[in-house]
Amino acid sequence: SSGLPLDVGVETPESAAQIIAAHRDLGLSNGLLITVPVPEADALSDDSAEAAILKAVAEAEANDLHGKDVTPYLLERIVALTDGTAQRANTALLINNARTAAQIAVALAKLS
């Protein structure tokens, strides 16, 4: 959960494909953003994620890290602080994104 409001929510790749097709047919120039959640079985709890992020950020600040050094440090520390759960969640998210994108592409091709 991002806590951000959605303009539209869809439950199937076919519904997403219909929105993409309509957007294209209307000749709209704005973008569409399709987000997919981490699969429930692989999700990191909000409390665990928030605690690890806050601790890692505080450590980065205490170590006076800046610029390009911050992101790799935070990612490594968050994985360590969550005993690898954050990395498993991110990997599951990448796989779920690719799977969903493929399903949407197939559904969109069927509309053409």
C-alpha atoms as a PDB file:
ATOM      1  CA  SER A   1       0.000   0.000   0.000  1.00  0.00           C
ATOM      2  CA  SER A   2       1.440   3.339  -1.018  1.00  0.00           C
ATOM      3  CA  GLY A   3      -1.204   5.411   0.696  1.00  0.00           C
ATOM      4  CA  LEU A   4      -1.614   7.385  -2.530  1.00  0.00           C
ATOM      5  CA  PRO A   5      -5.054   7.804  -4.092  1.00  0.00           C
ATOM      6  CA  LEU A   6      -5.838   6.084  -7.380  1.00  0.00           C
ATOM      7  CA  ASP A   7      -7.705   7.638 -10.279  1.00  0.00           C
ATOM      8  CA  VAL A   8      -8.756   4.213 -11.558  1.00  0.00           C
ATOM      9  CA  GLY A   9      -8.276   0.690 -10.297  1.00  0.00           C
ATOM     10  CA  VAL A  10      -8.596  -2.434 -12.401  1.00  0.00           C
ATOM     11  CA  GLU A  11      -8.590  -6.067 -11.430  1.00  0.00           C
ATOM     12  CA  THR A  12      -7.690  -7.821 -14.676  1.00  0.00           C
ATOM     13  CA  PRO A  13      -5.111  -7.464 -17.442  1.00  0.00           C
ATOM     14  CA  GLU A  14      -8.016  -7.262 -19.895  1.00  0.00           C
ATOM     15  CA  SER A  15      -9.402  -4.185 -18.119  1.00  0.00           C
ATOM     16  CA  ALA A  16      -5.982  -2.530 -18.177  1.00  0.00           C
ATOM     17  CA  ALA A  17      -5.678  -3.323 -21.892  1.00  0.00           C
ATOM     18  CA  GLN A  18      -9.067  -1.729 -22.580  1.00  0.00           C
ATOM     19  CA  ILE A  19      -7.963   1.462 -20.832  1.00  0.00           C
ATOM     20  CA  ILE A  20      -4.704   1.519 -22.794  1.00  0.00           C
ATOM     21  CA  ALA A  21      -6.572   0.968 -26.076  1.00  0.00           C
ATOM     22  CA  ALA A  22      -9.073   3.727 -25.294  1.00  0.00           C
ATOM     23  CA  HIS A  23      -6.257   6.077 -24.316  1.00  0.00           C
ATOM     24  CA  ARG A  24      -4.483   5.351 -27.589  1.00  0.00           C
ATOM     25  CA  ASP A  25      -7.704   5.669 -29.641  1.00  0.00           C
ATOM     26  CA  LEU A  26      -8.412   9.060 -28.109  1.00  0.00           C
ATOM     27  CA  GLY A  27      -4.934  10.255 -29.039  1.00  0.00           C
ATOM     28  CA  LEU A  28      -4.195  11.430 -25.512  1.00  0.00           C
ATOM     29  CA  SER A  29      -0.654  12.628 -24.890  1.00  0.00           C
ATOM     30  CA  ASN A  30      -0.455  11.993 -21.153  1.00  0.00           C
ATOM     31  CA  GLY A  31       1.021   8.799 -19.755  1.00  0.00           C
ATOM     32  CA  LEU A  32      -0.573   5.886 -18.007  1.00  0.00           C
ATOM     33  CA  LEU A  33       0.942   4.343 -14.904  1.00  0.00           C
ATOM     34  CA  ILE A  34       0.038   0.776 -14.068  1.00  0.00           C
ATOM     35  CA  THR A  35       1.166  -0.434 -10.675  1.00  0.00           C
ATOM     36  CA  VAL A  36       1.117  -3.965  -9.373  1.00  0.00           C
ATOM     37  CA  PRO A  37       1.452  -4.967  -5.723  1.00  0.00           C
ATOM     38  CA  VAL A  38       3.978  -7.338  -4.225  1.00  0.00           C
ATOM     39  CA  PRO A  39       2.304 -10.754  -4.048  1.00  0.00           C
ATOM     40  CA  GLU A  40       0.782 -11.164  -0.585  1.00  0.00           C
ATOM     41  CA  ALA A  41       2.896 -14.230   0.242  1.00  0.00           C
ATOM     42  CA  ASP A  42       6.102 -12.262  -0.371  1.00  0.00           C
ATOM     43  CA  ALA A  43       5.086  -8.881   1.025  1.00  0.00           C
ATOM     44  CA  LEU A  44       7.032  -7.165   3.752  1.00  0.00           C
ATOM     45  CA  SER A  45       4.848  -5.807   6.546  1.00  0.00           C
ATOM     46  CA  ASP A  46       4.433  -2.039   6.593  1.00  0.00           C
ATOM     47  CA  ASP A  47       5.840  -1.854  10.132  1.00  0.00           C
ATOM     48  CA  SER A  48       8.912  -3.929   9.269  1.00  0.00           C
ATOM     49  CA  ALA A  49       9.599  -1.958   6.096  1.00  0.00           C
ATOM     50  CA  GLU A  50       9.145   1.405   7.804  1.00  0.00           C
ATOM     51  CA  ALA A  51      11.369   0.448  10.747  1.00  0.00           C
ATOM     52  CA  ALA A  52      14.142  -0.806   8.452  1.00  0.00           C
ATOM     53  CA  ILE A  53      13.948   2.273   6.227  1.00  0.00           C
ATOM     54  CA  LEU A  54      14.058   4.693   9.156  1.00  0.00           C
ATOM     55  CA  LYS A  55      16.992   2.879  10.765  1.00  0.00           C
ATOM     56  CA  ALA A  56      18.936   2.658   7.491  1.00  0.00           C
ATOM     57  CA  VAL A  57      18.356   6.351   6.732  1.00  0.00           C
ATOM     58  CA  ALA A  58      19.474   7.322  10.247  1.00  0.00           C
ATOM     59  CA  GLU A  59      22.602   5.193   9.848  1.00  0.00           C
ATOM     60  CA  ALA A  60      23.370   6.754   6.460  1.00  0.00           C
ATOM     61  CA  GLU A  61      23.055  10.223   7.971  1.00  0.00           C
ATOM     62  CA  ALA A  62      25.220   9.224  10.963  1.00  0.00           C
ATOM     63  CA  ASN A  63      27.861   7.931   8.543  1.00  0.00           C
ATOM     64  CA  ASP A  64      27.631  11.210   6.574  1.00  0.00           C
ATOM     65  CA  LEU A  65      26.744   9.439   3.316  1.00  0.00           C
ATOM     66  CA  HIS A  66      25.632  11.612   0.411  1.00  0.00           C
ATOM     67  CA  GLY A  67      24.893  11.456  -3.303  1.00  0.00           C
ATOM     68  CA  LYS A  68      25.475   8.248  -5.205  1.00  0.00           C
ATOM     69  CA  ASP A  69      26.618   6.397  -2.068  1.00  0.00           C
ATOM     70  CA  VAL A  70      23.240   6.635  -0.331  1.00  0.00           C
ATOM     71  CA  THR A  71      21.047   4.356  -2.455  1.00  0.00           C
ATOM     72  CA  PRO A  72      23.312   1.273  -2.486  1.00  0.00           C
ATOM     73  CA  TYR A  73      23.911   1.688   1.241  1.00  0.00           C
ATOM     74  CA  LEU A  74      20.194   1.940   2.004  1.00  0.00           C
ATOM     75  CA  LEU A  75      19.327  -1.062  -0.149  1.00  0.00           C
ATOM     76  CA  GLU A  76      22.019  -3.206   1.457  1.00  0.00           C
ATOM     77  CA  ARG A  77      21.096  -2.157   4.992  1.00  0.00           C
ATOM     78  CA  ILE A  78      17.357  -2.654   4.461  1.00  0.00           C
ATOM     79  CA  VAL A  79      18.003  -6.186   3.177  1.00  0.00           C
ATOM     80  CA  ALA A  80      20.211  -6.886   6.211  1.00  0.00           C
ATOM     81  CA  LEU A  81      17.784  -5.321   8.694  1.00  0.00           C
ATOM     82  CA  THR A  82      14.897  -7.416   7.342  1.00  0.00           C
ATOM     83  CA  ASP A  83      16.922 -10.653   7.186  1.00  0.00           C
ATOM     84  CA  GLY A  84      16.527 -10.740   3.413  1.00  0.00           C
ATOM     85  CA  THR A  85      12.754 -10.316   3.412  1.00  0.00           C
ATOM     86  CA  ALA A  86      12.999  -6.962   1.605  1.00  0.00           C
ATOM     87  CA  GLN A  87      15.060  -8.514  -1.194  1.00  0.00           C
ATOM     88  CA  ARG A  88      12.618 -11.416  -1.561  1.00  0.00           C
ATOM     89  CA  ALA A  89       9.734  -8.925  -1.718  1.00  0.00           C
ATOM     90  CA  ASN A  90      11.516  -6.823  -4.376  1.00  0.00           C
ATOM     91  CA  THR A  91      12.317  -9.897  -6.465  1.00  0.00           C
ATOM     92  CA  ALA A  92       8.707 -11.100  -6.216  1.00  0.00           C
ATOM     93  CA  LEU A  93       7.536  -7.627  -7.251  1.00  0.00           C
ATOM     94  CA  LEU A  94       9.781  -7.633 -10.333  1.00  0.00           C
ATOM     95  CA  ILE A  95       8.483 -11.044 -11.370  1.00  0.00           C
ATOM     96  CA  ASN A  96       4.875  -9.991 -10.758  1.00  0.00           C
ATOM     97  CA  ASN A  97       5.413  -6.788 -12.783  1.00  0.00           C
ATOM     98  CA  ALA A  98       6.814  -8.763 -15.715  1.00  0.00           C
ATOM     99  CA  ARG A  99       4.027 -11.340 -15.534  1.00  0.00           C
ATOM    100  CA  THR A 100       1.345  -8.665 -15.410  1.00  0.00           C
ATOM    101  CA  ALA A 101       2.930  -6.669 -18.255  1.00  0.00           C
ATOM    102  CA  ALA A 102       2.965  -9.792 -20.411  1.00  0.00           C
ATOM    103  CA  GLN A 103      -0.677 -10.519 -19.603  1.00  0.00           C
ATOM    104  CA  ILE A 104      -1.645  -6.941 -20.472  1.00  0.00           C
ATOM    105  CA  ALA A 105       0.340  -7.131 -23.725  1.00  0.00           C
ATOM    106  CA  VAL A 106      -1.464 -10.332 -24.734  1.00  0.00           C
ATOM    107  CA  ALA A 107      -4.850  -8.800 -23.874  1.00  0.00           C
ATOM    108  CA  LEU A 108      -3.974  -5.623 -25.795  1.00  0.00           C
ATOM    109  CA  ALA A 109      -2.906  -7.629 -28.852  1.00  0.00           C
ATOM    110  CA  LYS A 110      -6.277  -9.381 -28.840  1.00  0.00           C
ATOM    111  CA  LEU A 111      -8.003  -5.975 -29.025  1.00  0.00           C
ATOM    112  CA  SER A 112      -6.088  -4.935 -32.146  1.00  0.00           C
END
